[in-house]
Amino acid sequence: MARAGTHGFAKALADEVAADGILVTVVAPGYMRTGRVTSLLEDRSRREDRSPEAIAAELVADVPLRRIGEPGELADAIAFLASERASYITGTVLAVDGGYLRGIGRARRRPPAGDPRATGAPQRHRPARGHRDDDAHRPAAGRARRVQ
């Protein structure tokens, strides 16, 4: 939900400031080879009594490029967005994540072993807590308007 909210905010802000020549773009980094990620891998390896390499391999298994990104790759994307060459890009999210994100707020995650989704068993639809299972509470299509 945080990613969807951030994307929505970027779009709304871009709409507000575009006439002033201000561009708004969100950069969503994936796993990058930084000291922080290395520290997190080492901490988790101690807790789980596994090697940091095994944990890193597990993390990148869901990344289509099958690797952790390099900080320079993220920096290059940001430098491009800050350049004149990106002067027509606004109100969007650039995922620099090796293909990990599949959509706003959705990453391809494998279900843990033993989870019924891992077996392909049919799943019963269950609405999110606090939400009704019908569309009666949603506004009718076409009623949304921009607040100024």
N, C-alpha and C. Protein backbone atom coordinates (compact mmCIF):
# COMPACT_ATOMS: atom_id res chain seq x y z
N MET A 1 0.82 -1.19 0.00
CA MET A 1 0.00 0.00 0.00
C MET A 1 0.87 1.26 0.00
N ALA A 2 1.99 1.22 0.65
CA ALA A 2 2.85 2.41 0.68
C ALA A 2 3.30 2.79 -0.73
N ARG A 3 3.61 1.78 -1.55
CA ARG A 3 4.04 2.10 -2.92
C ARG A 3 2.90 2.72 -3.71
N ALA A 4 1.71 2.18 -3.56
CA ALA A 4 0.56 2.73 -4.28
C ALA A 4 0.28 4.15 -3.82
N GLY A 5 0.39 4.40 -2.53
CA GLY A 5 0.18 5.75 -2.01
C GLY A 5 1.23 6.71 -2.51
N THR A 6 2.47 6.26 -2.55
CA THR A 6 3.56 7.10 -3.05
C THR A 6 3.35 7.41 -4.53
N HIS A 7 2.94 6.42 -5.29
CA HIS A 7 2.70 6.63 -6.72
C HIS A 7 1.56 7.61 -6.93
N GLY A 8 0.49 7.44 -6.17
CA GLY A 8 -0.64 8.37 -6.27
C GLY A 8 -0.26 9.78 -5.90
N PHE A 9 0.54 9.91 -4.86
CA PHE A 9 1.01 11.23 -4.43
C PHE A 9 1.88 11.87 -5.52
N ALA A 10 2.76 11.08 -6.13
CA ALA A 10 3.63 11.60 -7.19
C ALA A 10 2.80 12.09 -8.37
N LYS A 11 1.78 11.34 -8.74
CA LYS A 11 0.92 11.75 -9.86
C LYS A 11 0.18 13.04 -9.53
N ALA A 12 -0.38 13.10 -8.32
CA ALA A 12 -1.13 14.30 -7.93
C ALA A 12 -0.21 15.51 -7.85
N LEU A 13 0.96 15.34 -7.26
CA LEU A 13 1.91 16.45 -7.16
C LEU A 13 2.39 16.88 -8.54
N ALA A 14 2.65 15.91 -9.41
CA ALA A 14 3.08 16.23 -10.78
C ALA A 14 2.02 17.06 -11.49
N ASP A 15 0.76 16.71 -11.31
CA ASP A 15 -0.33 17.49 -11.91
C ASP A 15 -0.33 18.92 -11.40
N GLU A 16 -0.08 19.09 -10.12
CA GLU A 16 -0.13 20.41 -9.50
C GLU A 16 1.00 21.32 -9.96
N VAL A 17 2.20 20.78 -10.13
CA VAL A 17 3.37 21.62 -10.38
C VAL A 17 3.89 21.59 -11.81
N ALA A 18 3.27 20.79 -12.67
CA ALA A 18 3.74 20.67 -14.05
C ALA A 18 3.73 22.01 -14.78
N ALA A 19 2.70 22.81 -14.55
CA ALA A 19 2.60 24.11 -15.23
C ALA A 19 3.75 25.04 -14.86
N ASP A 20 4.39 24.78 -13.72
CA ASP A 20 5.53 25.58 -13.29
C ASP A 20 6.85 24.99 -13.77
N GLY A 21 6.78 23.93 -14.59
CA GLY A 21 8.00 23.32 -15.13
C GLY A 21 8.71 22.41 -14.15
N ILE A 22 8.02 21.99 -13.10
CA ILE A 22 8.62 21.11 -12.09
C ILE A 22 8.23 19.67 -12.40
N LEU A 23 9.21 18.79 -12.43
CA LEU A 23 8.99 17.37 -12.70
C LEU A 23 9.02 16.60 -11.38
N VAL A 24 8.16 15.60 -11.28
CA VAL A 24 8.08 14.76 -10.07
C VAL A 24 8.19 13.31 -10.51
N THR A 25 9.22 12.64 -10.04
CA THR A 25 9.40 11.23 -10.34
C THR A 25 9.86 10.52 -9.08
N VAL A 26 9.31 9.35 -8.85
CA VAL A 26 9.69 8.53 -7.70
C VAL A 26 10.62 7.43 -8.19
N VAL A 27 11.69 7.20 -7.47
CA VAL A 27 12.60 6.09 -7.78
C VAL A 27 12.41 5.04 -6.70
N ALA A 28 12.09 3.82 -7.12
CA ALA A 28 11.86 2.71 -6.19
C ALA A 28 12.99 1.69 -6.36
N PRO A 29 13.99 1.76 -5.50
CA PRO A 29 15.11 0.83 -5.64
C PRO A 29 14.76 -0.55 -5.10
N GLY A 30 15.37 -1.55 -5.72
CA GLY A 30 15.27 -2.91 -5.20
C GLY A 30 16.43 -3.18 -4.28
N TYR A 31 16.81 -4.43 -4.16
CA TYR A 31 17.96 -4.78 -3.34
C TYR A 31 19.22 -4.26 -4.00
N MET A 32 19.96 -3.42 -3.28
CA MET A 32 21.22 -2.87 -3.79
C MET A 32 22.36 -3.34 -2.89
N ARG A 33 23.51 -3.56 -3.47
CA ARG A 33 24.68 -4.01 -2.71
C ARG A 33 25.24 -2.83 -1.92
N THR A 34 24.66 -2.61 -0.76
CA THR A 34 25.08 -1.52 0.12
C THR A 34 25.49 -2.09 1.47
N GLY A 35 26.11 -1.28 2.27
CA GLY A 35 26.47 -1.70 3.62
C GLY A 35 25.26 -2.10 4.43
N ARG A 36 24.16 -1.40 4.23
CA ARG A 36 22.93 -1.71 4.97
C ARG A 36 22.39 -3.09 4.61
N VAL A 37 22.33 -3.41 3.33
CA VAL A 37 21.84 -4.72 2.91
C VAL A 37 22.78 -5.81 3.40
N THR A 38 24.09 -5.58 3.30
CA THR A 38 25.06 -6.55 3.81
C THR A 38 24.87 -6.78 5.30
N SER A 39 24.66 -5.71 6.05
CA SER A 39 24.42 -5.82 7.49
C SER A 39 23.15 -6.60 7.79
N LEU A 40 22.10 -6.34 7.05
CA LEU A 40 20.84 -7.07 7.26
C LEU A 40 21.00 -8.56 6.94
N LEU A 41 21.74 -8.87 5.87
CA LEU A 41 21.99 -10.27 5.53
C LEU A 41 22.79 -10.97 6.64
N GLU A 42 23.79 -10.28 7.17
CA GLU A 42 24.60 -10.87 8.24
C GLU A 42 23.79 -11.07 9.51
N ASP A 43 22.96 -10.09 9.87
CA ASP A 43 22.11 -10.23 11.05
C ASP A 43 21.16 -11.41 10.90
N ARG A 44 20.53 -11.49 9.75
CA ARG A 44 19.58 -12.58 9.52
C ARG A 44 20.30 -13.93 9.50
N SER A 45 21.50 -13.97 8.97
CA SER A 45 22.25 -15.23 8.93
C SER A 45 22.57 -15.72 10.35
N ARG A 46 22.88 -14.79 11.24
CA ARG A 46 23.13 -15.17 12.63
C ARG A 46 21.86 -15.69 13.30
N ARG A 47 20.75 -15.00 13.06
CA ARG A 47 19.47 -15.41 13.67
C ARG A 47 19.02 -16.77 13.17
N GLU A 48 19.22 -17.03 11.89
CA GLU A 48 18.71 -18.26 11.28
C GLU A 48 19.78 -19.34 11.14
N ASP A 49 20.99 -19.05 11.59
CA ASP A 49 22.10 -20.00 11.51
C ASP A 49 22.29 -20.51 10.07
N ARG A 50 22.31 -19.55 9.14
CA ARG A 50 22.55 -19.84 7.73
C ARG A 50 23.56 -18.84 7.22
N SER A 51 24.15 -19.14 6.08
CA SER A 51 25.15 -18.22 5.53
C SER A 51 24.47 -17.01 4.89
N PRO A 52 25.15 -15.84 4.92
CA PRO A 52 24.60 -14.67 4.24
C PRO A 52 24.40 -14.93 2.74
N GLU A 53 25.26 -15.75 2.16
CA GLU A 53 25.14 -16.07 0.73
C GLU A 53 23.86 -16.84 0.45
N ALA A 54 23.49 -17.77 1.35
CA ALA A 54 22.26 -18.55 1.17
C ALA A 54 21.04 -17.64 1.26
N ILE A 55 21.08 -16.70 2.18
CA ILE A 55 19.96 -15.77 2.33
C ILE A 55 19.88 -14.84 1.13
N ALA A 56 21.03 -14.36 0.65
CA ALA A 56 21.04 -13.50 -0.54
C ALA A 56 20.51 -14.27 -1.75
N ALA A 57 20.88 -15.53 -1.89
CA ALA A 57 20.38 -16.34 -3.01
C ALA A 57 18.87 -16.48 -2.93
N GLU A 58 18.35 -16.61 -1.73
CA GLU A 58 16.90 -16.70 -1.54
C GLU A 58 16.22 -15.38 -1.94
N LEU A 59 16.84 -14.26 -1.57
CA LEU A 59 16.27 -12.96 -1.92
C LEU A 59 16.23 -12.74 -3.43
N VAL A 60 17.31 -13.06 -4.10
CA VAL A 60 17.37 -12.79 -5.54
C VAL A 60 16.64 -13.83 -6.37
N ALA A 61 16.17 -14.90 -5.76
CA ALA A 61 15.42 -15.91 -6.50
C ALA A 61 14.17 -15.32 -7.13
N ASP A 62 13.60 -14.28 -6.53
CA ASP A 62 12.40 -13.64 -7.06
C ASP A 62 12.72 -12.46 -7.97
N VAL A 63 13.98 -12.15 -8.16
CA VAL A 63 14.40 -11.05 -9.04
C VAL A 63 14.71 -11.65 -10.41
N PRO A 64 13.98 -11.24 -11.46
CA PRO A 64 14.23 -11.83 -12.78
C PRO A 64 15.68 -11.76 -13.24
N LEU A 65 16.42 -10.71 -12.89
CA LEU A 65 17.82 -10.64 -13.29
C LEU A 65 18.74 -11.48 -12.41
N ARG A 66 18.17 -12.07 -11.36
CA ARG A 66 18.88 -13.02 -10.47
C ARG A 66 20.13 -12.46 -9.81
N ARG A 67 20.08 -11.19 -9.43
CA ARG A 67 21.22 -10.61 -8.73
C ARG A 67 20.78 -9.39 -7.95
N ILE A 68 21.64 -8.97 -7.04
CA ILE A 68 21.43 -7.73 -6.29
C ILE A 68 22.00 -6.60 -7.14
N GLY A 69 21.34 -5.46 -7.14
CA GLY A 69 21.79 -4.32 -7.93
C GLY A 69 23.02 -3.65 -7.34
N GLU A 70 23.72 -2.95 -8.17
CA GLU A 70 24.89 -2.19 -7.74
C GLU A 70 24.47 -0.73 -7.52
N PRO A 71 25.02 -0.07 -6.51
CA PRO A 71 24.66 1.33 -6.24
C PRO A 71 24.83 2.23 -7.46
N GLY A 72 25.83 1.96 -8.28
CA GLY A 72 26.05 2.77 -9.48
C GLY A 72 24.90 2.68 -10.47
N GLU A 73 24.22 1.53 -10.51
CA GLU A 73 23.07 1.38 -11.40
C GLU A 73 21.93 2.28 -10.94
N LEU A 74 21.72 2.36 -9.65
CA LEU A 74 20.70 3.25 -9.10
C LEU A 74 21.09 4.71 -9.34
N ALA A 75 22.35 5.02 -9.10
CA ALA A 75 22.84 6.39 -9.32
C ALA A 75 22.68 6.81 -10.77
N ASP A 76 22.96 5.90 -11.70
CA ASP A 76 22.80 6.23 -13.13
C ASP A 76 21.36 6.56 -13.47
N ALA A 77 20.42 5.79 -12.91
CA ALA A 77 19.00 6.06 -13.17
C ALA A 77 18.59 7.42 -12.62
N ILE A 78 19.06 7.74 -11.42
CA ILE A 78 18.73 9.03 -10.81
C ILE A 78 19.38 10.17 -11.59
N ALA A 79 20.62 9.98 -12.02
CA ALA A 79 21.30 11.01 -12.81
C ALA A 79 20.56 11.26 -14.12
N PHE A 80 20.06 10.20 -14.73
CA PHE A 80 19.28 10.37 -15.95
C PHE A 80 18.02 11.19 -15.68
N LEU A 81 17.29 10.84 -14.61
CA LEU A 81 16.07 11.57 -14.29
C LEU A 81 16.33 13.04 -13.98
N ALA A 82 17.50 13.34 -13.46
CA ALA A 82 17.85 14.73 -13.14
C ALA A 82 18.39 15.48 -14.36
N SER A 83 18.58 14.77 -15.46
CA SER A 83 19.15 15.40 -16.66
C SER A 83 18.07 15.98 -17.56
N GLU A 84 18.51 16.77 -18.51
CA GLU A 84 17.61 17.36 -19.49
C GLU A 84 16.96 16.29 -20.37
N ARG A 85 17.64 15.16 -20.53
CA ARG A 85 17.09 14.07 -21.36
C ARG A 85 15.80 13.50 -20.79
N ALA A 86 15.53 13.73 -19.51
CA ALA A 86 14.31 13.22 -18.87
C ALA A 86 13.27 14.34 -18.69
N SER A 87 13.35 15.36 -19.51
CA SER A 87 12.50 16.54 -19.33
C SER A 87 11.03 16.30 -19.65
N TYR A 88 10.69 15.12 -20.15
CA TYR A 88 9.30 14.81 -20.46
C TYR A 88 8.79 13.65 -19.59
N ILE A 89 9.47 13.38 -18.52
CA ILE A 89 9.09 12.30 -17.61
C ILE A 89 8.64 12.93 -16.30
N THR A 90 7.39 12.70 -15.93
CA THR A 90 6.87 13.22 -14.66
C THR A 90 5.68 12.39 -14.21
N GLY A 91 5.45 12.36 -12.91
CA GLY A 91 4.29 11.67 -12.35
C GLY A 91 4.36 10.17 -12.43
N THR A 92 5.55 9.62 -12.41
CA THR A 92 5.67 8.17 -12.55
C THR A 92 6.66 7.62 -11.53
N VAL A 93 6.68 6.30 -11.43
CA VAL A 93 7.61 5.60 -10.55
C VAL A 93 8.57 4.81 -11.43
N LEU A 94 9.85 4.99 -11.21
CA LEU A 94 10.86 4.20 -11.91
C LEU A 94 11.40 3.16 -10.93
N ALA A 95 11.11 1.91 -11.20
CA ALA A 95 11.61 0.82 -10.37
C ALA A 95 12.98 0.41 -10.90
N VAL A 96 13.98 0.55 -10.05
CA VAL A 96 15.35 0.13 -10.39
C VAL A 96 15.60 -1.10 -9.51
N ASP A 97 15.04 -2.23 -9.97
CA ASP A 97 14.96 -3.40 -9.10
C ASP A 97 15.18 -4.73 -9.80
N GLY A 98 15.70 -4.70 -11.00
CA GLY A 98 15.96 -5.95 -11.71
C GLY A 98 14.69 -6.67 -12.14
N GLY A 99 13.56 -5.97 -12.14
CA GLY A 99 12.29 -6.58 -12.54
C GLY A 99 11.50 -7.15 -11.39
N TYR A 100 11.91 -6.89 -10.17
CA TYR A 100 11.27 -7.48 -8.99
C TYR A 100 9.80 -7.08 -8.85
N LEU A 101 9.50 -5.79 -8.97
CA LEU A 101 8.12 -5.35 -8.82
C LEU A 101 7.32 -5.70 -10.07
N ARG A 102 6.14 -6.19 -9.85
CA ARG A 102 5.27 -6.55 -10.97
C ARG A 102 4.16 -5.54 -11.16
N GLY A 103 4.02 -4.64 -10.24
CA GLY A 103 2.99 -3.62 -10.28
C GLY A 103 3.05 -2.87 -8.97
N ILE A 104 2.29 -1.82 -8.86
CA ILE A 104 2.34 -1.02 -7.65
C ILE A 104 1.93 -1.87 -6.46
N GLY A 105 2.84 -1.95 -5.49
CA GLY A 105 2.56 -2.68 -4.27
C GLY A 105 2.60 -4.19 -4.41
N ARG A 106 2.99 -4.69 -5.57
CA ARG A 106 2.98 -6.14 -5.76
C ARG A 106 4.36 -6.62 -6.21
N ALA A 107 4.89 -7.51 -5.48
CA ALA A 107 6.12 -8.15 -5.87
C ALA A 107 5.81 -9.63 -6.05
N ARG A 108 6.53 -10.26 -6.94
CA ARG A 108 6.33 -11.70 -7.12
C ARG A 108 7.02 -12.41 -5.99
N ARG A 109 6.25 -12.99 -5.13
CA ARG A 109 6.81 -13.70 -3.98
C ARG A 109 6.35 -15.15 -4.05
N ARG A 110 7.27 -16.03 -3.80
CA ARG A 110 6.90 -17.44 -3.75
C ARG A 110 6.30 -17.72 -2.38
N PRO A 111 5.19 -18.49 -2.34
CA PRO A 111 4.64 -18.83 -1.04
C PRO A 111 5.58 -19.75 -0.28
N PRO A 112 5.59 -19.63 1.04
CA PRO A 112 6.47 -20.51 1.82
C PRO A 112 6.05 -21.97 1.68
N ALA A 113 7.00 -22.87 1.89
CA ALA A 113 6.71 -24.30 1.82
C ALA A 113 5.58 -24.62 2.80
N GLY A 114 4.66 -25.46 2.36
CA GLY A 114 3.53 -25.82 3.21
C GLY A 114 2.32 -24.93 3.02
N ASP A 115 2.50 -23.79 2.37
CA ASP A 115 1.38 -22.89 2.11
C ASP A 115 0.53 -23.52 1.01
N PRO A 116 -0.82 -23.53 1.15
CA PRO A 116 -1.65 -24.15 0.12
C PRO A 116 -1.46 -23.54 -1.27
N ARG A 117 -1.05 -22.27 -1.34
CA ARG A 117 -0.82 -21.65 -2.64
C ARG A 117 0.36 -22.29 -3.36
N ALA A 118 1.28 -22.88 -2.62
CA ALA A 118 2.45 -23.51 -3.22
C ALA A 118 2.06 -24.79 -3.96
N THR A 119 0.92 -25.38 -3.62
CA THR A 119 0.50 -26.62 -4.25
C THR A 119 -0.43 -26.39 -5.42
N GLY A 120 -0.88 -25.15 -5.61
CA GLY A 120 -1.82 -24.86 -6.68
C GLY A 120 -3.26 -25.15 -6.28
N ALA A 121 -3.49 -25.45 -4.99
CA ALA A 121 -4.85 -25.71 -4.52
C ALA A 121 -5.71 -24.47 -4.70
N PRO A 122 -6.99 -24.65 -5.05
CA PRO A 122 -7.85 -23.48 -5.23
C PRO A 122 -7.96 -22.68 -3.94
N GLN A 123 -8.00 -21.37 -4.09
CA GLN A 123 -8.07 -20.48 -2.94
C GLN A 123 -9.45 -19.86 -2.84
N ARG A 124 -9.97 -19.80 -1.64
CA ARG A 124 -11.25 -19.15 -1.38
C ARG A 124 -11.00 -17.66 -1.30
N HIS A 125 -11.82 -16.87 -1.99
CA HIS A 125 -11.68 -15.41 -1.93
C HIS A 125 -12.05 -14.96 -0.53
N ARG A 126 -11.20 -14.15 0.06
CA ARG A 126 -11.49 -13.58 1.36
C ARG A 126 -11.21 -12.09 1.29
N PRO A 127 -12.24 -11.24 1.48
CA PRO A 127 -12.00 -9.80 1.39
C PRO A 127 -11.08 -9.33 2.51
N ALA A 128 -10.40 -8.23 2.26
CA ALA A 128 -9.53 -7.65 3.28
C ALA A 128 -10.34 -7.29 4.50
N ARG A 129 -9.75 -7.36 5.66
CA ARG A 129 -10.43 -7.04 6.90
C ARG A 129 -10.97 -5.62 6.84
N GLY A 130 -12.22 -5.46 7.21
CA GLY A 130 -12.81 -4.14 7.23
C GLY A 130 -13.43 -3.73 5.90
N HIS A 131 -13.37 -4.61 4.90
CA HIS A 131 -13.94 -4.30 3.59
C HIS A 131 -15.07 -5.26 3.29
N ARG A 132 -16.10 -4.75 2.66
CA ARG A 132 -17.20 -5.61 2.23
C ARG A 132 -16.81 -6.33 0.96
N ASP A 133 -17.52 -7.40 0.69
CA ASP A 133 -17.21 -8.23 -0.46
C ASP A 133 -17.94 -7.77 -1.72
N ASP A 134 -18.63 -6.64 -1.66
CA ASP A 134 -19.32 -6.17 -2.85
C ASP A 134 -18.84 -4.77 -3.19
N ASP A 135 -19.35 -4.22 -4.27
CA ASP A 135 -18.93 -2.90 -4.72
C ASP A 135 -19.90 -1.80 -4.31
N ALA A 136 -20.87 -2.12 -3.45
CA ALA A 136 -21.90 -1.15 -3.09
C ALA A 136 -21.33 0.08 -2.40
N HIS A 137 -20.23 -0.08 -1.71
CA HIS A 137 -19.66 1.04 -0.96
C HIS A 137 -18.74 1.91 -1.81
N ARG A 138 -18.48 1.50 -3.05
CA ARG A 138 -17.58 2.26 -3.91
C ARG A 138 -18.38 3.29 -4.71
N PRO A 139 -17.79 4.43 -5.01
CA PRO A 139 -18.52 5.42 -5.81
C PRO A 139 -18.76 4.91 -7.22
N ALA A 140 -19.82 5.39 -7.83
CA ALA A 140 -20.13 4.99 -9.19
C ALA A 140 -19.03 5.45 -10.13
N ALA A 141 -18.82 4.68 -11.18
CA ALA A 141 -17.78 5.02 -12.16
C ALA A 141 -18.08 6.39 -12.77
N GLY A 142 -17.04 7.13 -13.01
CA GLY A 142 -17.20 8.43 -13.64
C GLY A 142 -17.47 9.56 -12.68
N ARG A 143 -17.62 9.26 -11.41
CA ARG A 143 -17.90 10.31 -10.44
C ARG A 143 -16.64 10.95 -9.88
N ALA A 144 -15.51 10.28 -10.06
CA ALA A 144 -14.28 10.84 -9.50
C ALA A 144 -13.97 12.17 -10.18
N ARG A 145 -13.56 13.13 -9.41
CA ARG A 145 -13.17 14.41 -9.99
C ARG A 145 -11.94 14.92 -9.27
N ARG A 146 -11.23 15.75 -9.93
CA ARG A 146 -10.02 16.31 -9.36
C ARG A 146 -10.38 17.47 -8.45
N VAL A 147 -9.82 17.43 -7.26
CA VAL A 147 -10.07 18.50 -6.28
C VAL A 147 -9.03 19.58 -6.51
N GLN A 148 -9.50 20.83 -6.56
CA GLN A 148 -8.56 21.92 -6.80
C GLN A 148 -8.48 22.83 -5.61
